[in-house]
């Protein structure tokens, strides 16, 4: 099995090799697949993320969420030292965090992960079991840690979005990893056992 650091480097390089035009084209294809599932409904609280480092752009998803009347939240770091984040409503003003990623400046109206209906999760690589290799900072792991206390949480649904080439045969699942229920790429919808 490839070391996580090597896999991150390889996948990030492959993502960055895509042109902006190609990223948008693939994001539109992924969004059409996600739209077909009926996961985005009026009034739902959904968390998205601002794409960075070649990640799949969320612009088409934002447009879909707006058309369907969803309330959109973005990750907002609350402690760099403890690697904690919350989800703040998407509204100006925005600020740039230490990683160079825009996030809502205000915390008013923020929610913890457990109060959201759907979280669209970024990832670097994934496997068929729903195991996700993230950026390595642990913010999502900590935000979702409460899910390890019980097997059958209904909310929020956890959906990863990625380019199809980010799929690998197997990833080592750490005790703190929370598996994703679905991973949606430009080519297909991966339903996992999670």
N, C-alpha and C. Protein backbone atom coordinates (compact mmCIF):
# COMPACT_ATOMS: atom_id res chain seq x y z
N UNK A 1 0.85 -1.18 0.00
CA UNK A 1 0.00 0.00 0.00
C UNK A 1 0.90 1.24 0.00
N UNK A 2 0.57 2.18 -0.84
CA UNK A 2 1.34 3.42 -0.97
C UNK A 2 1.24 4.25 0.31
N UNK A 3 2.33 4.84 0.72
CA UNK A 3 2.32 5.70 1.90
C UNK A 3 1.41 6.89 1.67
N UNK A 4 0.72 7.32 2.74
CA UNK A 4 -0.24 8.42 2.61
C UNK A 4 0.42 9.69 2.06
N UNK A 5 1.61 10.02 2.54
CA UNK A 5 2.28 11.23 2.07
C UNK A 5 2.60 11.15 0.59
N UNK A 6 3.04 9.98 0.12
CA UNK A 6 3.34 9.81 -1.31
C UNK A 6 2.07 9.87 -2.14
N UNK A 7 1.00 9.26 -1.65
CA UNK A 7 -0.27 9.28 -2.36
C UNK A 7 -0.82 10.70 -2.44
N UNK A 8 -0.72 11.45 -1.35
CA UNK A 8 -1.17 12.85 -1.38
C UNK A 8 -0.40 13.64 -2.44
N UNK A 9 0.91 13.48 -2.46
CA UNK A 9 1.72 14.21 -3.45
C UNK A 9 1.31 13.85 -4.87
N UNK A 10 1.15 12.56 -5.12
CA UNK A 10 0.81 12.09 -6.47
C UNK A 10 -0.57 12.60 -6.90
N UNK A 11 -1.55 12.52 -6.02
CA UNK A 11 -2.91 12.94 -6.37
C UNK A 11 -3.00 14.45 -6.53
N UNK A 12 -2.33 15.18 -5.66
CA UNK A 12 -2.35 16.65 -5.79
C UNK A 12 -1.70 17.09 -7.09
N UNK A 13 -0.62 16.44 -7.45
CA UNK A 13 0.05 16.76 -8.72
C UNK A 13 -0.89 16.49 -9.89
N UNK A 14 -1.61 15.37 -9.86
CA UNK A 14 -2.55 15.02 -10.93
C UNK A 14 -3.70 16.03 -11.00
N UNK A 15 -4.20 16.46 -9.84
CA UNK A 15 -5.28 17.46 -9.81
C UNK A 15 -4.81 18.78 -10.40
N UNK A 16 -3.62 19.20 -9.98
CA UNK A 16 -3.10 20.50 -10.46
C UNK A 16 -2.78 20.46 -11.95
N UNK A 17 -2.56 19.28 -12.51
CA UNK A 17 -2.24 19.15 -13.94
C UNK A 17 -3.46 19.43 -14.82
N UNK A 18 -4.66 19.35 -14.25
CA UNK A 18 -5.87 19.65 -15.02
C UNK A 18 -5.97 21.15 -15.26
N UNK A 19 -6.41 21.53 -16.45
CA UNK A 19 -6.63 22.95 -16.71
C UNK A 19 -7.89 23.40 -15.97
N UNK A 20 -8.02 24.69 -15.76
CA UNK A 20 -9.22 25.23 -15.09
C UNK A 20 -10.47 24.87 -15.90
N UNK A 21 -10.37 24.93 -17.19
CA UNK A 21 -11.50 24.60 -18.06
C UNK A 21 -11.91 23.13 -17.87
N UNK A 22 -10.93 22.24 -17.79
CA UNK A 22 -11.21 20.82 -17.59
C UNK A 22 -11.82 20.58 -16.21
N UNK A 23 -11.31 21.26 -15.19
CA UNK A 23 -11.87 21.11 -13.85
C UNK A 23 -13.35 21.48 -13.83
N UNK A 24 -13.69 22.61 -14.47
CA UNK A 24 -15.09 23.05 -14.51
C UNK A 24 -15.94 22.05 -15.27
N UNK A 25 -15.44 21.55 -16.39
CA UNK A 25 -16.19 20.56 -17.18
C UNK A 25 -16.49 19.32 -16.35
N UNK A 26 -15.48 18.83 -15.63
CA UNK A 26 -15.66 17.64 -14.80
C UNK A 26 -16.58 17.93 -13.61
N UNK A 27 -16.49 19.13 -13.05
CA UNK A 27 -17.37 19.52 -11.93
C UNK A 27 -18.82 19.57 -12.39
N UNK A 28 -19.06 20.03 -13.59
CA UNK A 28 -20.44 20.04 -14.11
C UNK A 28 -20.98 18.63 -14.27
N UNK A 29 -20.14 17.73 -14.77
CA UNK A 29 -20.56 16.33 -14.93
C UNK A 29 -20.86 15.71 -13.56
N UNK A 30 -20.01 15.98 -12.58
CA UNK A 30 -20.23 15.46 -11.23
C UNK A 30 -21.54 16.04 -10.66
N UNK A 31 -21.78 17.32 -10.87
CA UNK A 31 -22.98 17.97 -10.34
C UNK A 31 -24.24 17.37 -10.96
N UNK A 32 -24.21 17.04 -12.22
CA UNK A 32 -25.37 16.38 -12.85
C UNK A 32 -25.65 15.04 -12.16
N UNK A 33 -24.62 14.31 -11.83
CA UNK A 33 -24.81 13.03 -11.13
C UNK A 33 -25.40 13.26 -9.74
N UNK A 34 -24.85 14.23 -9.04
CA UNK A 34 -25.36 14.53 -7.70
C UNK A 34 -26.81 14.99 -7.78
N UNK A 35 -27.15 15.82 -8.77
CA UNK A 35 -28.52 16.31 -8.92
C UNK A 35 -29.50 15.17 -9.11
N UNK A 36 -29.07 14.12 -9.78
CA UNK A 36 -29.95 12.98 -10.06
C UNK A 36 -30.34 12.21 -8.80
N UNK A 37 -29.60 12.40 -7.72
CA UNK A 37 -29.86 11.67 -6.47
C UNK A 37 -30.95 12.32 -5.61
N UNK A 38 -31.27 13.59 -5.88
CA UNK A 38 -32.28 14.29 -5.09
C UNK A 38 -31.85 14.60 -3.67
N UNK A 39 -30.56 14.73 -3.45
CA UNK A 39 -30.06 15.01 -2.09
C UNK A 39 -30.23 16.47 -1.69
N UNK A 40 -30.29 17.36 -2.65
CA UNK A 40 -30.40 18.79 -2.35
C UNK A 40 -31.86 19.21 -2.46
N UNK A 41 -32.46 19.50 -1.29
CA UNK A 41 -33.87 19.89 -1.26
C UNK A 41 -34.02 21.22 -0.54
N UNK A 42 -35.09 21.89 -0.84
CA UNK A 42 -35.36 23.21 -0.28
C UNK A 42 -35.30 23.19 1.24
N UNK A 43 -34.61 24.19 1.79
CA UNK A 43 -34.50 24.34 3.24
C UNK A 43 -33.42 23.51 3.90
N UNK A 44 -32.82 22.59 3.16
CA UNK A 44 -31.78 21.77 3.77
C UNK A 44 -30.55 22.60 4.08
N UNK A 45 -29.88 22.22 5.16
CA UNK A 45 -28.61 22.85 5.54
C UNK A 45 -27.49 21.97 4.99
N UNK A 46 -26.77 22.50 4.00
CA UNK A 46 -25.69 21.72 3.39
C UNK A 46 -24.37 22.46 3.54
N UNK A 47 -23.33 21.69 3.75
CA UNK A 47 -21.99 22.26 3.85
C UNK A 47 -21.22 21.92 2.59
N UNK A 48 -20.62 22.94 2.01
CA UNK A 48 -19.74 22.78 0.87
C UNK A 48 -18.35 23.22 1.31
N UNK A 49 -17.41 23.31 0.40
CA UNK A 49 -16.07 23.78 0.71
C UNK A 49 -15.59 24.59 -0.47
N UNK A 50 -14.64 25.46 -0.22
CA UNK A 50 -14.03 26.23 -1.30
C UNK A 50 -12.86 25.42 -1.83
N UNK A 51 -12.91 25.11 -3.12
CA UNK A 51 -11.87 24.28 -3.73
C UNK A 51 -10.51 24.95 -3.67
N UNK A 52 -9.49 24.16 -3.39
CA UNK A 52 -8.11 24.64 -3.34
C UNK A 52 -7.20 23.54 -3.86
N UNK A 53 -6.06 23.91 -4.34
CA UNK A 53 -5.02 22.95 -4.73
C UNK A 53 -5.51 21.95 -5.79
N UNK A 54 -6.29 22.44 -6.75
CA UNK A 54 -6.74 21.59 -7.83
C UNK A 54 -7.97 20.75 -7.53
N UNK A 55 -8.58 20.94 -6.34
CA UNK A 55 -9.80 20.20 -6.02
C UNK A 55 -10.89 20.54 -7.03
N UNK A 56 -11.88 19.67 -7.10
CA UNK A 56 -13.00 19.89 -8.00
C UNK A 56 -13.74 21.17 -7.59
N UNK A 57 -13.93 22.11 -8.51
CA UNK A 57 -14.63 23.35 -8.18
C UNK A 57 -16.07 23.10 -7.75
N UNK A 58 -16.57 23.93 -6.85
CA UNK A 58 -17.93 23.76 -6.38
C UNK A 58 -18.91 24.75 -7.02
N UNK A 59 -18.46 25.58 -7.94
CA UNK A 59 -19.35 26.57 -8.55
C UNK A 59 -20.65 25.95 -9.08
N UNK A 60 -20.59 24.85 -9.86
CA UNK A 60 -21.84 24.25 -10.34
C UNK A 60 -22.73 23.74 -9.19
N UNK A 61 -22.11 23.25 -8.12
CA UNK A 61 -22.87 22.80 -6.96
C UNK A 61 -23.55 23.96 -6.24
N UNK A 62 -22.84 25.08 -6.13
CA UNK A 62 -23.44 26.28 -5.51
C UNK A 62 -24.66 26.74 -6.29
N UNK A 63 -24.55 26.72 -7.62
CA UNK A 63 -25.68 27.12 -8.45
C UNK A 63 -26.86 26.17 -8.25
N UNK A 64 -26.59 24.87 -8.21
CA UNK A 64 -27.65 23.88 -7.99
C UNK A 64 -28.30 24.08 -6.62
N UNK A 65 -27.49 24.27 -5.59
CA UNK A 65 -28.01 24.47 -4.24
C UNK A 65 -28.89 25.72 -4.17
N UNK A 66 -28.49 26.79 -4.85
CA UNK A 66 -29.29 28.02 -4.87
C UNK A 66 -30.62 27.78 -5.57
N UNK A 67 -30.58 27.09 -6.70
CA UNK A 67 -31.83 26.80 -7.44
C UNK A 67 -32.78 25.95 -6.61
N UNK A 68 -32.24 25.08 -5.80
CA UNK A 68 -33.08 24.17 -5.01
C UNK A 68 -33.44 24.72 -3.63
N UNK A 69 -32.99 25.93 -3.31
CA UNK A 69 -33.37 26.57 -2.05
C UNK A 69 -32.67 26.04 -0.81
N UNK A 70 -31.46 25.55 -0.97
CA UNK A 70 -30.68 25.04 0.18
C UNK A 70 -30.02 26.19 0.93
N UNK A 71 -29.79 25.97 2.20
CA UNK A 71 -29.00 26.91 3.00
C UNK A 71 -27.57 26.39 3.03
N UNK A 72 -26.63 27.19 2.52
CA UNK A 72 -25.26 26.72 2.33
C UNK A 72 -24.35 27.23 3.45
N UNK A 73 -23.53 26.32 3.94
CA UNK A 73 -22.54 26.62 4.97
C UNK A 73 -21.16 26.24 4.44
N UNK A 74 -20.15 26.91 4.96
CA UNK A 74 -18.76 26.61 4.62
C UNK A 74 -17.97 26.33 5.90
N UNK A 75 -16.92 25.52 5.81
CA UNK A 75 -16.07 25.32 6.98
C UNK A 75 -15.44 26.64 7.41
N UNK A 76 -15.36 26.84 8.72
CA UNK A 76 -14.73 28.03 9.29
C UNK A 76 -13.86 27.56 10.44
N UNK A 77 -12.56 27.74 10.31
CA UNK A 77 -11.63 27.31 11.36
C UNK A 77 -11.82 28.19 12.59
N UNK A 78 -11.97 27.53 13.74
CA UNK A 78 -12.12 28.26 15.00
C UNK A 78 -10.89 28.14 15.89
N UNK A 79 -10.05 27.12 15.64
CA UNK A 79 -8.81 26.98 16.40
C UNK A 79 -7.79 26.23 15.54
N UNK A 80 -6.70 26.92 15.22
CA UNK A 80 -5.62 26.25 14.48
C UNK A 80 -4.88 25.27 15.38
N UNK A 81 -4.68 25.65 16.62
CA UNK A 81 -3.94 24.80 17.55
C UNK A 81 -4.66 23.48 17.80
N UNK A 82 -5.98 23.55 18.08
CA UNK A 82 -6.76 22.33 18.36
C UNK A 82 -7.31 21.71 17.08
N UNK A 83 -7.07 22.36 15.95
CA UNK A 83 -7.58 21.88 14.65
C UNK A 83 -9.09 21.66 14.69
N UNK A 84 -9.77 22.72 15.07
CA UNK A 84 -11.23 22.69 15.18
C UNK A 84 -11.85 23.62 14.13
N UNK A 85 -13.02 23.20 13.66
CA UNK A 85 -13.77 24.05 12.74
C UNK A 85 -15.26 23.89 13.02
N UNK A 86 -16.00 24.86 12.56
CA UNK A 86 -17.45 24.84 12.60
C UNK A 86 -17.91 25.10 11.17
N UNK A 87 -19.20 25.20 10.96
CA UNK A 87 -19.73 25.49 9.63
C UNK A 87 -20.54 26.77 9.72
N UNK A 88 -20.07 27.79 9.00
CA UNK A 88 -20.69 29.12 9.05
C UNK A 88 -21.50 29.36 7.78
N UNK A 89 -22.60 30.11 7.90
CA UNK A 89 -23.40 30.41 6.70
C UNK A 89 -22.56 31.13 5.64
N UNK A 90 -22.79 30.76 4.40
CA UNK A 90 -22.09 31.39 3.28
C UNK A 90 -22.70 32.77 3.05
N UNK A 91 -21.97 33.78 3.48
CA UNK A 91 -22.38 35.17 3.25
C UNK A 91 -21.17 36.05 3.47
N UNK A 92 -21.14 37.19 2.78
CA UNK A 92 -20.02 38.10 2.98
C UNK A 92 -20.09 38.71 4.37
N UNK A 93 -18.98 39.22 4.87
CA UNK A 93 -17.66 39.23 4.22
C UNK A 93 -16.95 37.89 4.41
N UNK A 94 -16.01 37.65 3.53
CA UNK A 94 -15.18 36.46 3.61
C UNK A 94 -13.78 36.89 4.05
N UNK A 95 -13.03 35.95 4.58
CA UNK A 95 -11.63 36.19 4.93
C UNK A 95 -10.83 35.00 4.43
N UNK A 96 -9.54 35.16 4.35
CA UNK A 96 -8.67 34.07 3.91
C UNK A 96 -7.99 33.49 5.14
N UNK A 97 -8.09 32.18 5.31
CA UNK A 97 -7.46 31.57 6.48
C UNK A 97 -5.98 31.32 6.24
N UNK A 98 -5.32 30.74 7.21
CA UNK A 98 -3.88 30.51 7.16
C UNK A 98 -3.46 29.61 5.99
N UNK A 99 -4.39 28.81 5.49
CA UNK A 99 -4.10 27.91 4.37
C UNK A 99 -4.38 28.56 3.02
N UNK A 100 -4.78 29.83 3.04
CA UNK A 100 -5.08 30.53 1.80
C UNK A 100 -6.45 30.24 1.24
N UNK A 101 -7.34 29.68 2.06
CA UNK A 101 -8.68 29.30 1.63
C UNK A 101 -9.70 30.31 2.17
N UNK A 102 -10.56 30.84 1.30
CA UNK A 102 -11.61 31.75 1.79
C UNK A 102 -12.60 31.03 2.70
N UNK A 103 -13.02 31.74 3.74
CA UNK A 103 -14.02 31.23 4.66
C UNK A 103 -14.84 32.41 5.18
N UNK A 104 -16.06 32.17 5.67
CA UNK A 104 -16.86 33.28 6.20
C UNK A 104 -16.13 33.96 7.36
N UNK A 105 -16.16 35.28 7.37
CA UNK A 105 -15.49 36.02 8.44
C UNK A 105 -16.28 35.93 9.74
N UNK A 106 -17.61 35.95 9.64
CA UNK A 106 -18.46 35.95 10.83
C UNK A 106 -18.82 34.53 11.25
N UNK A 107 -18.93 34.35 12.56
CA UNK A 107 -19.33 33.05 13.10
C UNK A 107 -20.83 33.01 13.42
N UNK A 108 -21.52 34.15 13.34
CA UNK A 108 -22.94 34.20 13.67
C UNK A 108 -23.73 33.19 12.81
N UNK A 109 -24.51 32.38 13.45
CA UNK A 109 -25.31 31.39 12.74
C UNK A 109 -24.58 30.10 12.44
N UNK A 110 -23.37 29.94 12.98
CA UNK A 110 -22.59 28.72 12.74
C UNK A 110 -23.24 27.51 13.38
N UNK A 111 -22.97 26.35 12.77
CA UNK A 111 -23.50 25.08 13.27
C UNK A 111 -22.38 24.06 13.38
N UNK A 112 -22.53 23.16 14.33
CA UNK A 112 -21.61 22.01 14.35
C UNK A 112 -22.11 21.04 13.29
N UNK A 113 -21.27 20.11 12.91
CA UNK A 113 -21.58 19.16 11.83
C UNK A 113 -22.87 18.40 12.09
N UNK A 114 -23.15 18.07 13.34
CA UNK A 114 -24.31 17.22 13.63
C UNK A 114 -25.65 17.88 13.28
N UNK A 115 -25.67 19.21 13.10
CA UNK A 115 -26.93 19.91 12.80
C UNK A 115 -27.12 20.16 11.32
N UNK A 116 -26.22 19.66 10.50
CA UNK A 116 -26.36 19.80 9.05
C UNK A 116 -27.08 18.59 8.48
N UNK A 117 -27.66 18.77 7.31
CA UNK A 117 -28.33 17.65 6.63
C UNK A 117 -27.39 16.90 5.70
N UNK A 118 -26.45 17.62 5.12
CA UNK A 118 -25.54 17.04 4.14
C UNK A 118 -24.21 17.78 4.20
N UNK A 119 -23.12 17.03 4.17
CA UNK A 119 -21.80 17.65 4.09
C UNK A 119 -21.11 17.09 2.85
N UNK A 120 -20.74 17.99 1.96
CA UNK A 120 -19.94 17.63 0.79
C UNK A 120 -18.49 17.76 1.24
N UNK A 121 -17.78 16.65 1.24
CA UNK A 121 -16.46 16.58 1.85
C UNK A 121 -15.37 16.55 0.78
N UNK A 122 -14.33 17.37 0.95
CA UNK A 122 -13.19 17.30 0.03
C UNK A 122 -12.33 16.09 0.36
N UNK A 123 -11.58 15.64 -0.63
CA UNK A 123 -10.69 14.51 -0.37
C UNK A 123 -9.54 14.51 -1.37
N UNK A 124 -8.49 13.79 -1.01
CA UNK A 124 -7.34 13.65 -1.88
C UNK A 124 -7.40 12.30 -2.61
N UNK A 125 -7.90 11.27 -1.90
CA UNK A 125 -8.07 9.95 -2.50
C UNK A 125 -9.18 9.23 -1.73
N UNK A 126 -9.75 8.18 -2.34
CA UNK A 126 -10.80 7.42 -1.70
C UNK A 126 -10.77 5.99 -2.20
N UNK A 127 -11.42 5.09 -1.45
CA UNK A 127 -11.55 3.71 -1.92
C UNK A 127 -13.01 3.28 -1.88
N UNK A 128 -13.28 2.06 -2.30
CA UNK A 128 -14.66 1.57 -2.44
C UNK A 128 -15.39 1.43 -1.11
N UNK A 129 -14.67 1.40 0.01
CA UNK A 129 -15.32 1.28 1.31
C UNK A 129 -15.76 2.62 1.88
N UNK A 130 -15.44 3.71 1.18
CA UNK A 130 -15.77 5.04 1.67
C UNK A 130 -14.68 5.66 2.52
N UNK A 131 -13.56 4.99 2.62
CA UNK A 131 -12.44 5.56 3.36
C UNK A 131 -11.87 6.71 2.53
N UNK A 132 -11.59 7.79 3.21
CA UNK A 132 -11.15 9.02 2.56
C UNK A 132 -9.78 9.41 3.08
N UNK A 133 -8.92 9.77 2.14
CA UNK A 133 -7.64 10.37 2.51
C UNK A 133 -7.81 11.87 2.31
N UNK A 134 -7.72 12.61 3.40
CA UNK A 134 -7.89 14.05 3.34
C UNK A 134 -6.55 14.75 3.20
N UNK A 135 -6.57 16.03 3.49
CA UNK A 135 -5.37 16.85 3.36
C UNK A 135 -4.34 16.56 4.45
N UNK A 136 -4.77 15.88 5.50
CA UNK A 136 -3.83 15.52 6.56
C UNK A 136 -3.84 16.46 7.75
N UNK A 137 -4.76 17.42 7.77
CA UNK A 137 -4.80 18.36 8.88
C UNK A 137 -5.76 17.95 9.98
N UNK A 138 -6.72 17.07 9.68
CA UNK A 138 -7.60 16.52 10.71
C UNK A 138 -8.83 17.34 11.07
N UNK A 139 -9.08 18.43 10.39
CA UNK A 139 -10.24 19.27 10.74
C UNK A 139 -11.56 18.51 10.57
N UNK A 140 -11.75 17.84 9.44
CA UNK A 140 -12.99 17.09 9.24
C UNK A 140 -13.08 15.91 10.21
N UNK A 141 -11.96 15.24 10.47
CA UNK A 141 -11.97 14.12 11.43
C UNK A 141 -12.49 14.58 12.78
N UNK A 142 -12.03 15.72 13.24
CA UNK A 142 -12.47 16.23 14.54
C UNK A 142 -13.92 16.70 14.50
N UNK A 143 -14.31 17.36 13.41
CA UNK A 143 -15.69 17.85 13.30
C UNK A 143 -16.69 16.70 13.26
N UNK A 144 -16.27 15.56 12.76
CA UNK A 144 -17.17 14.41 12.61
C UNK A 144 -16.93 13.32 13.66
N UNK A 145 -16.07 13.56 14.61
CA UNK A 145 -15.70 12.54 15.61
C UNK A 145 -16.90 12.01 16.38
N UNK A 146 -17.92 12.83 16.61
CA UNK A 146 -19.10 12.39 17.35
C UNK A 146 -19.75 11.18 16.69
N UNK A 147 -19.57 11.00 15.39
CA UNK A 147 -20.20 9.88 14.68
C UNK A 147 -19.61 8.53 15.08
N UNK A 148 -18.42 8.53 15.64
CA UNK A 148 -17.82 7.25 16.06
C UNK A 148 -18.44 6.73 17.35
N UNK A 149 -19.27 7.53 18.00
CA UNK A 149 -19.91 7.10 19.24
C UNK A 149 -21.09 6.16 19.01
N UNK A 150 -21.66 6.22 17.79
CA UNK A 150 -22.79 5.36 17.43
C UNK A 150 -22.63 4.90 16.00
N UNK A 151 -23.18 3.76 15.67
CA UNK A 151 -23.07 3.21 14.32
C UNK A 151 -24.00 3.88 13.32
N UNK A 152 -25.21 4.22 13.73
CA UNK A 152 -26.25 4.60 12.76
C UNK A 152 -26.71 6.05 12.87
N UNK A 153 -25.83 6.97 12.59
CA UNK A 153 -26.22 8.38 12.51
C UNK A 153 -26.91 8.59 11.18
N UNK A 154 -28.02 9.27 11.19
CA UNK A 154 -28.73 9.56 9.94
C UNK A 154 -28.29 10.90 9.35
N UNK A 155 -27.81 11.79 10.20
CA UNK A 155 -27.40 13.10 9.71
C UNK A 155 -26.03 13.43 10.25
N UNK A 156 -25.34 14.21 9.55
CA UNK A 156 -25.58 14.56 8.15
C UNK A 156 -25.12 13.42 7.23
N UNK A 157 -25.65 13.42 6.03
CA UNK A 157 -25.12 12.50 5.02
C UNK A 157 -23.76 13.02 4.62
N UNK A 158 -22.82 12.12 4.46
CA UNK A 158 -21.45 12.50 4.09
C UNK A 158 -21.18 12.05 2.67
N UNK A 159 -20.93 13.03 1.81
CA UNK A 159 -20.71 12.76 0.39
C UNK A 159 -19.38 13.37 -0.02
N UNK A 160 -18.51 12.55 -0.57
CA UNK A 160 -17.25 13.05 -1.10
C UNK A 160 -17.41 13.36 -2.58
N UNK A 161 -16.73 14.39 -3.03
CA UNK A 161 -16.69 14.65 -4.47
C UNK A 161 -15.23 14.66 -4.89
N UNK A 162 -14.98 14.07 -6.05
CA UNK A 162 -13.60 13.90 -6.49
C UNK A 162 -13.57 13.62 -7.98
N UNK A 163 -12.39 13.69 -8.54
CA UNK A 163 -12.17 13.22 -9.91
C UNK A 163 -12.06 11.70 -9.83
N UNK A 164 -12.51 11.03 -10.87
CA UNK A 164 -12.50 9.58 -10.85
C UNK A 164 -11.09 9.00 -10.67
N UNK A 165 -10.07 9.69 -11.15
CA UNK A 165 -8.71 9.16 -11.01
C UNK A 165 -8.23 9.16 -9.57
N UNK A 166 -8.97 9.78 -8.65
CA UNK A 166 -8.58 9.80 -7.25
C UNK A 166 -8.95 8.51 -6.50
N UNK A 167 -9.65 7.61 -7.18
CA UNK A 167 -10.01 6.33 -6.57
C UNK A 167 -8.78 5.42 -6.56
N UNK A 168 -8.57 4.78 -5.42
CA UNK A 168 -7.48 3.82 -5.27
C UNK A 168 -8.06 2.49 -4.80
N UNK A 169 -7.28 1.44 -4.92
CA UNK A 169 -7.77 0.11 -4.55
C UNK A 169 -8.12 0.03 -3.07
N UNK A 170 -7.24 0.50 -2.21
CA UNK A 170 -7.50 0.41 -0.77
C UNK A 170 -6.71 1.48 -0.02
N UNK A 171 -7.35 2.00 1.01
CA UNK A 171 -6.71 2.94 1.93
C UNK A 171 -6.77 2.33 3.33
N UNK A 172 -5.77 2.60 4.11
CA UNK A 172 -5.79 2.17 5.50
C UNK A 172 -6.76 3.07 6.27
N UNK A 173 -7.73 2.47 6.93
CA UNK A 173 -8.67 3.25 7.72
C UNK A 173 -8.17 3.34 9.15
N UNK A 174 -7.93 4.56 9.58
CA UNK A 174 -7.47 4.82 10.95
C UNK A 174 -8.68 4.82 11.89
N UNK A 175 -8.46 4.63 13.17
CA UNK A 175 -9.59 4.59 14.12
C UNK A 175 -10.45 5.87 14.10
N UNK A 176 -9.86 7.00 13.78
CA UNK A 176 -10.60 8.26 13.78
C UNK A 176 -11.27 8.58 12.44
N UNK A 177 -11.02 7.77 11.42
CA UNK A 177 -11.60 8.03 10.10
C UNK A 177 -13.09 7.71 10.10
N UNK A 178 -13.87 8.63 9.57
CA UNK A 178 -15.31 8.44 9.41
C UNK A 178 -15.57 8.18 7.93
N UNK A 179 -16.08 7.00 7.57
CA UNK A 179 -16.28 6.69 6.16
C UNK A 179 -17.41 7.50 5.53
N UNK A 180 -17.30 7.71 4.23
CA UNK A 180 -18.30 8.44 3.46
C UNK A 180 -19.35 7.46 2.94
N UNK A 181 -20.59 7.90 2.85
CA UNK A 181 -21.66 7.06 2.33
C UNK A 181 -21.68 7.02 0.81
N UNK A 182 -21.30 8.12 0.20
CA UNK A 182 -21.26 8.23 -1.25
C UNK A 182 -20.03 9.00 -1.66
N UNK A 183 -19.48 8.65 -2.81
CA UNK A 183 -18.46 9.47 -3.45
C UNK A 183 -18.93 9.66 -4.89
N UNK A 184 -18.98 10.90 -5.31
CA UNK A 184 -19.49 11.21 -6.64
C UNK A 184 -18.35 11.80 -7.46
N UNK A 185 -18.15 11.21 -8.64
CA UNK A 185 -17.14 11.71 -9.57
C UNK A 185 -17.83 12.11 -10.86
N UNK A 186 -17.04 12.56 -11.80
CA UNK A 186 -17.59 12.92 -13.11
C UNK A 186 -18.09 11.70 -13.86
N UNK A 187 -17.63 10.51 -13.49
CA UNK A 187 -17.99 9.29 -14.21
C UNK A 187 -19.08 8.45 -13.56
N UNK A 188 -19.11 8.45 -12.23
CA UNK A 188 -20.02 7.51 -11.56
C UNK A 188 -20.33 7.95 -10.14
N UNK A 189 -21.24 7.22 -9.53
CA UNK A 189 -21.60 7.39 -8.12
C UNK A 189 -21.16 6.12 -7.40
N UNK A 190 -20.25 6.27 -6.45
CA UNK A 190 -19.79 5.13 -5.67
C UNK A 190 -20.61 5.08 -4.38
N UNK A 191 -21.39 4.03 -4.23
CA UNK A 191 -22.15 3.82 -2.99
C UNK A 191 -21.33 2.87 -2.14
N UNK A 192 -21.08 3.27 -0.92
CA UNK A 192 -20.19 2.48 -0.07
C UNK A 192 -20.98 1.71 0.96
N UNK A 193 -20.29 0.94 1.74
CA UNK A 193 -20.93 0.18 2.81
C UNK A 193 -21.06 1.01 4.08
N UNK A 194 -20.63 2.24 4.03
CA UNK A 194 -20.66 3.08 5.24
C UNK A 194 -22.08 3.40 5.66
